[in-house]
Amino acid sequence: MANNKLIIEVTADTTEALEGIKEVTEAANECAEALEKLEKVMGRLTNKKDSLFIEVPVVLNGKAIAKKVSEFTETRERL
């Protein structure tokens, strides 16, 4: 029997994709930090059990690629 082998080598440049992922990650981290700060400020302004609904779009190169919807409920345990 013949021993047939097929060898395929694939080379891909992922630099641009990795840069895009890094940019999205940085934007998401900034959004998370901003939401945490907002939650703290809202907690100082009110002692009520209020809810805050926030929708944060993630934009990369002018295109909205994701939406993060968060809901914060102020409770006495968090304060």
C-alpha atoms as a PDB file:
ATOM      1  CA  MET A   1       0.000   0.000   0.000  1.00  0.00           C
ATOM      2  CA  ALA A   2       1.112   3.490  -0.712  1.00  0.00           C
ATOM      3  CA  ASN A   3       1.619   5.838   2.216  1.00  0.00           C
ATOM      4  CA  ASN A   4       0.094   9.085   0.933  1.00  0.00           C
ATOM      5  CA  LYS A   5       0.632  12.216   2.992  1.00  0.00           C
ATOM      6  CA  LEU A   6      -0.683  15.705   2.544  1.00  0.00           C
ATOM      7  CA  ILE A   7       1.111  18.481   4.372  1.00  0.00           C
ATOM      8  CA  ILE A   8      -0.450  21.947   4.447  1.00  0.00           C
ATOM      9  CA  GLU A   9       1.201  24.945   6.050  1.00  0.00           C
ATOM     10  CA  VAL A  10      -0.970  27.917   6.979  1.00  0.00           C
ATOM     11  CA  THR A  11       0.437  31.283   7.963  1.00  0.00           C
ATOM     12  CA  ALA A  12      -1.909  33.993   9.199  1.00  0.00           C
ATOM     13  CA  ASP A  13      -1.195  37.533  10.326  1.00  0.00           C
ATOM     14  CA  THR A  14      -3.362  38.140  13.388  1.00  0.00           C
ATOM     15  CA  THR A  15      -1.798  41.471  14.346  1.00  0.00           C
ATOM     16  CA  GLU A  16      -4.793  43.556  13.288  1.00  0.00           C
ATOM     17  CA  ALA A  17      -7.272  41.246  15.008  1.00  0.00           C
ATOM     18  CA  LEU A  18      -5.238  41.275  18.233  1.00  0.00           C
ATOM     19  CA  GLU A  19      -5.072  45.076  18.161  1.00  0.00           C
ATOM     20  CA  GLY A  20      -8.857  45.204  17.747  1.00  0.00           C
ATOM     21  CA  ILE A  21      -9.385  42.806  20.636  1.00  0.00           C
ATOM     22  CA  LYS A  22      -7.047  44.881  22.807  1.00  0.00           C
ATOM     23  CA  GLU A  23      -8.965  48.054  21.936  1.00  0.00           C
ATOM     24  CA  VAL A  24     -12.319  46.437  22.753  1.00  0.00           C
ATOM     25  CA  THR A  25     -10.950  45.087  26.041  1.00  0.00           C
ATOM     26  CA  GLU A  26      -9.651  48.524  27.037  1.00  0.00           C
ATOM     27  CA  ALA A  27     -13.008  50.124  26.180  1.00  0.00           C
ATOM     28  CA  ALA A  28     -14.880  47.487  28.192  1.00  0.00           C
ATOM     29  CA  ASN A  29     -12.571  48.021  31.185  1.00  0.00           C
ATOM     30  CA  GLU A  30     -13.103  51.789  31.000  1.00  0.00           C
ATOM     31  CA  CYS A  31     -16.871  51.253  30.905  1.00  0.00           C
ATOM     32  CA  ALA A  32     -16.726  48.944  33.915  1.00  0.00           C
ATOM     33  CA  GLU A  33     -14.680  51.495  35.889  1.00  0.00           C
ATOM     34  CA  ALA A  34     -17.092  54.289  34.967  1.00  0.00           C
ATOM     35  CA  LEU A  35     -20.077  52.184  36.027  1.00  0.00           C
ATOM     36  CA  GLU A  36     -18.431  51.380  39.372  1.00  0.00           C
ATOM     37  CA  LYS A  37     -17.778  55.088  39.996  1.00  0.00           C
ATOM     38  CA  LEU A  38     -21.350  55.941  39.040  1.00  0.00           C
ATOM     39  CA  GLU A  39     -22.669  53.279  41.390  1.00  0.00           C
ATOM     40  CA  LYS A  40     -20.646  54.760  44.280  1.00  0.00           C
ATOM     41  CA  VAL A  41     -21.850  58.294  43.536  1.00  0.00           C
ATOM     42  CA  MET A  42     -25.456  57.166  43.278  1.00  0.00           C
ATOM     43  CA  GLY A  43     -25.060  55.392  46.618  1.00  0.00           C
ATOM     44  CA  ARG A  44     -23.908  58.625  48.246  1.00  0.00           C
ATOM     45  CA  LEU A  45     -26.760  60.632  46.783  1.00  0.00           C
ATOM     46  CA  THR A  46     -29.551  58.352  47.890  1.00  0.00           C
ATOM     47  CA  ASN A  47     -30.217  55.851  50.627  1.00  0.00           C
ATOM     48  CA  LYS A  48     -33.304  54.511  48.907  1.00  0.00           C
ATOM     49  CA  LYS A  49     -33.604  51.196  47.137  1.00  0.00           C
ATOM     50  CA  ASP A  50     -33.392  52.714  43.686  1.00  0.00           C
ATOM     51  CA  SER A  51     -32.576  50.941  40.471  1.00  0.00           C
ATOM     52  CA  LEU A  52     -30.386  52.390  37.777  1.00  0.00           C
ATOM     53  CA  PHE A  53     -30.598  50.926  34.273  1.00  0.00           C
ATOM     54  CA  ILE A  54     -27.612  51.671  32.040  1.00  0.00           C
ATOM     55  CA  GLU A  55     -26.988  50.628  28.439  1.00  0.00           C
ATOM     56  CA  VAL A  56     -23.396  51.021  27.243  1.00  0.00           C
ATOM     57  CA  PRO A  57     -22.580  50.457  23.564  1.00  0.00           C
ATOM     58  CA  VAL A  58     -19.055  49.292  22.700  1.00  0.00           C
ATOM     59  CA  VAL A  59     -17.856  51.023  19.538  1.00  0.00           C
ATOM     60  CA  LEU A  60     -14.841  50.001  17.451  1.00  0.00           C
ATOM     61  CA  ASN A  61     -13.888  51.949  14.328  1.00  0.00           C
ATOM     62  CA  GLY A  62     -17.260  53.684  14.334  1.00  0.00           C
ATOM     63  CA  LYS A  63     -19.267  50.452  14.505  1.00  0.00           C
ATOM     64  CA  ALA A  64     -21.257  49.378  17.525  1.00  0.00           C
ATOM     65  CA  ILE A  65     -20.117  45.805  18.110  1.00  0.00           C
ATOM     66  CA  ALA A  66     -21.737  45.055  21.448  1.00  0.00           C
ATOM     67  CA  LYS A  67     -24.105  46.447  24.027  1.00  0.00           C
ATOM     68  CA  LYS A  68     -23.682  45.935  27.717  1.00  0.00           C
ATOM     69  CA  VAL A  69     -26.781  46.349  29.790  1.00  0.00           C
ATOM     70  CA  SER A  70     -26.284  46.598  33.511  1.00  0.00           C
ATOM     71  CA  GLU A  71     -28.738  47.018  36.310  1.00  0.00           C
ATOM     72  CA  PHE A  72     -27.621  48.308  39.688  1.00  0.00           C
ATOM     73  CA  THR A  73     -29.841  48.028  42.721  1.00  0.00           C
ATOM     74  CA  GLU A  74     -28.787  50.057  45.722  1.00  0.00           C
ATOM     75  CA  THR A  75     -29.002  48.108  48.967  1.00  0.00           C
ATOM     76  CA  ARG A  76     -27.840  48.863  52.472  1.00  0.00           C
ATOM     77  CA  GLU A  77     -25.358  45.967  52.334  1.00  0.00           C
ATOM     78  CA  ARG A  78     -23.468  47.602  49.456  1.00  0.00           C
ATOM     79  CA  LEU A  79     -23.172  50.925  51.255  1.00  0.00           C
END
